[in-house]
Amino acid sequence: MTDPGAPWQAWAPLLDPPTSGGLPYAEAEQIADLYWSSEPHLCAALLWEHYAATLPPGPAVSQVQTGAQSVTYNPPMPGGDYGHAISRARWHRSFCPTLASVPLDPAPP
């Protein structure tokens, strides 16, 4: 049974249940249990990426014109529900702290 009070659900894609075809609730809850308390944006990115993996890729979009303005994407962005899910995942990942590597010191001769 879904918990309508779980805060991670506000950042998650459609969940099944209640929405048929959404990310299975049990799988989403497992991801949230592992990551939500320490890194909410990483948790949301993983939820959206997991959801995207269940969707067929849509046709790529390279240019959008509205008459008054035009936007070109290079490389082309995936379209449809898949493109939307990947876009949301990238947005959440943009808030994740970058991993810094340990400085490598050369071994003494």
C-alpha atoms as a PDB file:
ATOM      1  CA  MET A   1       0.000   0.000   0.000  1.00  0.00           C
ATOM      2  CA  THR A   2       1.354   3.412  -0.912  1.00  0.00           C
ATOM      3  CA  ASP A   3       2.122   5.964   1.772  1.00  0.00           C
ATOM      4  CA  PRO A   4       0.815   9.355   0.595  1.00  0.00           C
ATOM      5  CA  GLY A   5       2.940  11.077   3.232  1.00  0.00           C
ATOM      6  CA  ALA A   6       6.347   9.839   2.027  1.00  0.00           C
ATOM      7  CA  PRO A   7       8.267  12.993   0.990  1.00  0.00           C
ATOM      8  CA  TRP A   8      10.253  11.287  -1.793  1.00  0.00           C
ATOM      9  CA  GLN A   9       7.035  10.651  -3.731  1.00  0.00           C
ATOM     10  CA  ALA A  10       6.787  14.355  -4.609  1.00  0.00           C
ATOM     11  CA  TRP A  11      10.008  14.041  -6.636  1.00  0.00           C
ATOM     12  CA  ALA A  12       9.305  10.599  -8.091  1.00  0.00           C
ATOM     13  CA  PRO A  13       7.864   9.707 -11.495  1.00  0.00           C
ATOM     14  CA  LEU A  14       4.434   8.117 -11.774  1.00  0.00           C
ATOM     15  CA  LEU A  15       4.158   5.200  -9.365  1.00  0.00           C
ATOM     16  CA  ASP A  16       2.355   1.907  -9.926  1.00  0.00           C
ATOM     17  CA  PRO A  17       0.086   1.715  -7.969  1.00  0.00           C
ATOM     18  CA  PRO A  18      -1.853   3.957  -8.312  1.00  0.00           C
ATOM     19  CA  THR A  19      -0.866   4.721 -11.955  1.00  0.00           C
ATOM     20  CA  SER A  20      -0.702   1.679 -14.215  1.00  0.00           C
ATOM     21  CA  GLY A  21       2.521   1.679 -16.223  1.00  0.00           C
ATOM     22  CA  GLY A  22       4.390   3.813 -13.708  1.00  0.00           C
ATOM     23  CA  LEU A  23       7.507   2.859 -11.773  1.00  0.00           C
ATOM     24  CA  PRO A  24       6.641  -0.097  -9.525  1.00  0.00           C
ATOM     25  CA  TYR A  25       6.113   1.287  -6.027  1.00  0.00           C
ATOM     26  CA  ALA A  26       8.128  -1.446  -4.298  1.00  0.00           C
ATOM     27  CA  GLU A  27      11.186  -0.718  -6.480  1.00  0.00           C
ATOM     28  CA  ALA A  28      10.852   3.034  -5.965  1.00  0.00           C
ATOM     29  CA  GLU A  29      10.549   2.547  -2.217  1.00  0.00           C
ATOM     30  CA  GLN A  30      13.755   0.467  -2.155  1.00  0.00           C
ATOM     31  CA  ILE A  31      15.667   3.244  -3.946  1.00  0.00           C
ATOM     32  CA  ALA A  32      14.177   5.862  -1.611  1.00  0.00           C
ATOM     33  CA  ASP A  33      15.047   3.828   1.486  1.00  0.00           C
ATOM     34  CA  LEU A  34      18.685   3.693   0.369  1.00  0.00           C
ATOM     35  CA  TYR A  35      19.247   7.273  -0.796  1.00  0.00           C
ATOM     36  CA  TRP A  36      16.534   9.738   0.265  1.00  0.00           C
ATOM     37  CA  SER A  37      17.820  10.580   3.751  1.00  0.00           C
ATOM     38  CA  SER A  38      21.406  11.236   2.643  1.00  0.00           C
ATOM     39  CA  GLU A  39      21.060  12.563  -0.924  1.00  0.00           C
ATOM     40  CA  PRO A  40      17.520  13.471  -2.082  1.00  0.00           C
ATOM     41  CA  HIS A  41      18.517  14.714  -5.541  1.00  0.00           C
ATOM     42  CA  LEU A  42      20.520  11.557  -6.239  1.00  0.00           C
ATOM     43  CA  CYS A  43      17.532   9.536  -5.064  1.00  0.00           C
ATOM     44  CA  ALA A  44      15.205  11.406  -7.428  1.00  0.00           C
ATOM     45  CA  ALA A  45      17.663  11.046 -10.322  1.00  0.00           C
ATOM     46  CA  LEU A  46      17.872   7.298  -9.746  1.00  0.00           C
ATOM     47  CA  LEU A  47      14.082   7.041  -9.586  1.00  0.00           C
ATOM     48  CA  TRP A  48      13.684   8.894 -12.905  1.00  0.00           C
ATOM     49  CA  GLU A  49      16.497   6.892 -14.560  1.00  0.00           C
ATOM     50  CA  HIS A  50      14.938   3.648 -13.384  1.00  0.00           C
ATOM     51  CA  TYR A  51      11.582   4.769 -14.762  1.00  0.00           C
ATOM     52  CA  ALA A  52      13.188   5.832 -18.076  1.00  0.00           C
ATOM     53  CA  ALA A  53      14.721   2.377 -18.424  1.00  0.00           C
ATOM     54  CA  THR A  54      11.203   0.922 -18.557  1.00  0.00           C
ATOM     55  CA  LEU A  55      10.096   3.208 -21.408  1.00  0.00           C
ATOM     56  CA  PRO A  56      10.679   2.902 -25.150  1.00  0.00           C
ATOM     57  CA  PRO A  57      12.906   5.698 -26.468  1.00  0.00           C
ATOM     58  CA  GLY A  58      11.036   8.357 -28.398  1.00  0.00           C
ATOM     59  CA  PRO A  59      12.204  10.024 -31.593  1.00  0.00           C
ATOM     60  CA  ALA A  60      15.062  12.484 -31.095  1.00  0.00           C
ATOM     61  CA  VAL A  61      14.306  16.194 -31.197  1.00  0.00           C
ATOM     62  CA  SER A  62      16.988  18.437 -32.660  1.00  0.00           C
ATOM     63  CA  GLN A  63      15.042  21.663 -33.195  1.00  0.00           C
ATOM     64  CA  VAL A  64      11.876  23.268 -31.833  1.00  0.00           C
ATOM     65  CA  GLN A  65      10.269  26.250 -33.548  1.00  0.00           C
ATOM     66  CA  THR A  66       7.363  28.232 -32.154  1.00  0.00           C
ATOM     67  CA  GLY A  67       7.202  30.899 -34.854  1.00  0.00           C
ATOM     68  CA  ALA A  68       8.637  33.602 -32.618  1.00  0.00           C
ATOM     69  CA  GLN A  69      11.699  31.678 -31.540  1.00  0.00           C
ATOM     70  CA  SER A  70      13.703  28.584 -32.345  1.00  0.00           C
ATOM     71  CA  VAL A  71      15.767  26.293 -30.121  1.00  0.00           C
ATOM     72  CA  THR A  72      18.347  23.842 -31.460  1.00  0.00           C
ATOM     73  CA  TYR A  73      19.603  20.875 -29.433  1.00  0.00           C
ATOM     74  CA  ASN A  74      23.028  19.497 -30.239  1.00  0.00           C
ATOM     75  CA  PRO A  75      23.218  16.586 -29.726  1.00  0.00           C
ATOM     76  CA  PRO A  76      19.521  15.931 -30.318  1.00  0.00           C
ATOM     77  CA  MET A  77      17.483  15.214 -27.186  1.00  0.00           C
ATOM     78  CA  PRO A  78      15.341  12.101 -26.860  1.00  0.00           C
ATOM     79  CA  GLY A  79      11.646  12.852 -27.132  1.00  0.00           C
ATOM     80  CA  GLY A  80       8.434  11.509 -25.645  1.00  0.00           C
ATOM     81  CA  ASP A  81       8.020  10.145 -22.132  1.00  0.00           C
ATOM     82  CA  TYR A  82      11.538   8.689 -22.238  1.00  0.00           C
ATOM     83  CA  GLY A  83      13.042  12.075 -23.050  1.00  0.00           C
ATOM     84  CA  HIS A  84      11.027  13.718 -20.286  1.00  0.00           C
ATOM     85  CA  ALA A  85      12.214  11.142 -17.732  1.00  0.00           C
ATOM     86  CA  ILE A  86      15.871  11.493 -18.766  1.00  0.00           C
ATOM     87  CA  SER A  87      15.571  15.276 -18.664  1.00  0.00           C
ATOM     88  CA  ARG A  88      14.194  15.147 -15.109  1.00  0.00           C
ATOM     89  CA  ALA A  89      16.982  12.766 -14.047  1.00  0.00           C
ATOM     90  CA  ARG A  90      19.653  15.093 -15.499  1.00  0.00           C
ATOM     91  CA  TRP A  91      18.090  18.069 -13.728  1.00  0.00           C
ATOM     92  CA  HIS A  92      18.220  16.282 -10.360  1.00  0.00           C
ATOM     93  CA  ARG A  93      21.793  15.119 -11.000  1.00  0.00           C
ATOM     94  CA  SER A  94      22.824  18.731 -11.602  1.00  0.00           C
ATOM     95  CA  PHE A  95      22.246  19.301  -7.861  1.00  0.00           C
ATOM     96  CA  CYS A  96      24.376  16.354  -6.763  1.00  0.00           C
ATOM     97  CA  PRO A  97      27.790  17.169  -5.380  1.00  0.00           C
ATOM     98  CA  THR A  98      30.599  16.186  -7.686  1.00  0.00           C
ATOM     99  CA  LEU A  99      32.910  13.455  -6.581  1.00  0.00           C
ATOM    100  CA  ALA A 100      36.457  14.637  -6.024  1.00  0.00           C
ATOM    101  CA  SER A 101      39.246  12.201  -6.632  1.00  0.00           C
ATOM    102  CA  VAL A 102      42.099  11.709  -4.240  1.00  0.00           C
ATOM    103  CA  PRO A 103      45.222  13.555  -5.491  1.00  0.00           C
ATOM    104  CA  LEU A 104      47.641  11.103  -7.000  1.00  0.00           C
ATOM    105  CA  ASP A 105      51.234  11.623  -5.910  1.00  0.00           C
ATOM    106  CA  PRO A 106      53.964  10.001  -7.942  1.00  0.00           C
ATOM    107  CA  ALA A 107      55.837   7.251  -6.198  1.00  0.00           C
ATOM    108  CA  PRO A 108      59.296   8.292  -4.998  1.00  0.00           C
ATOM    109  CA  PRO A 109      62.080   7.148  -7.347  1.00  0.00           C
END
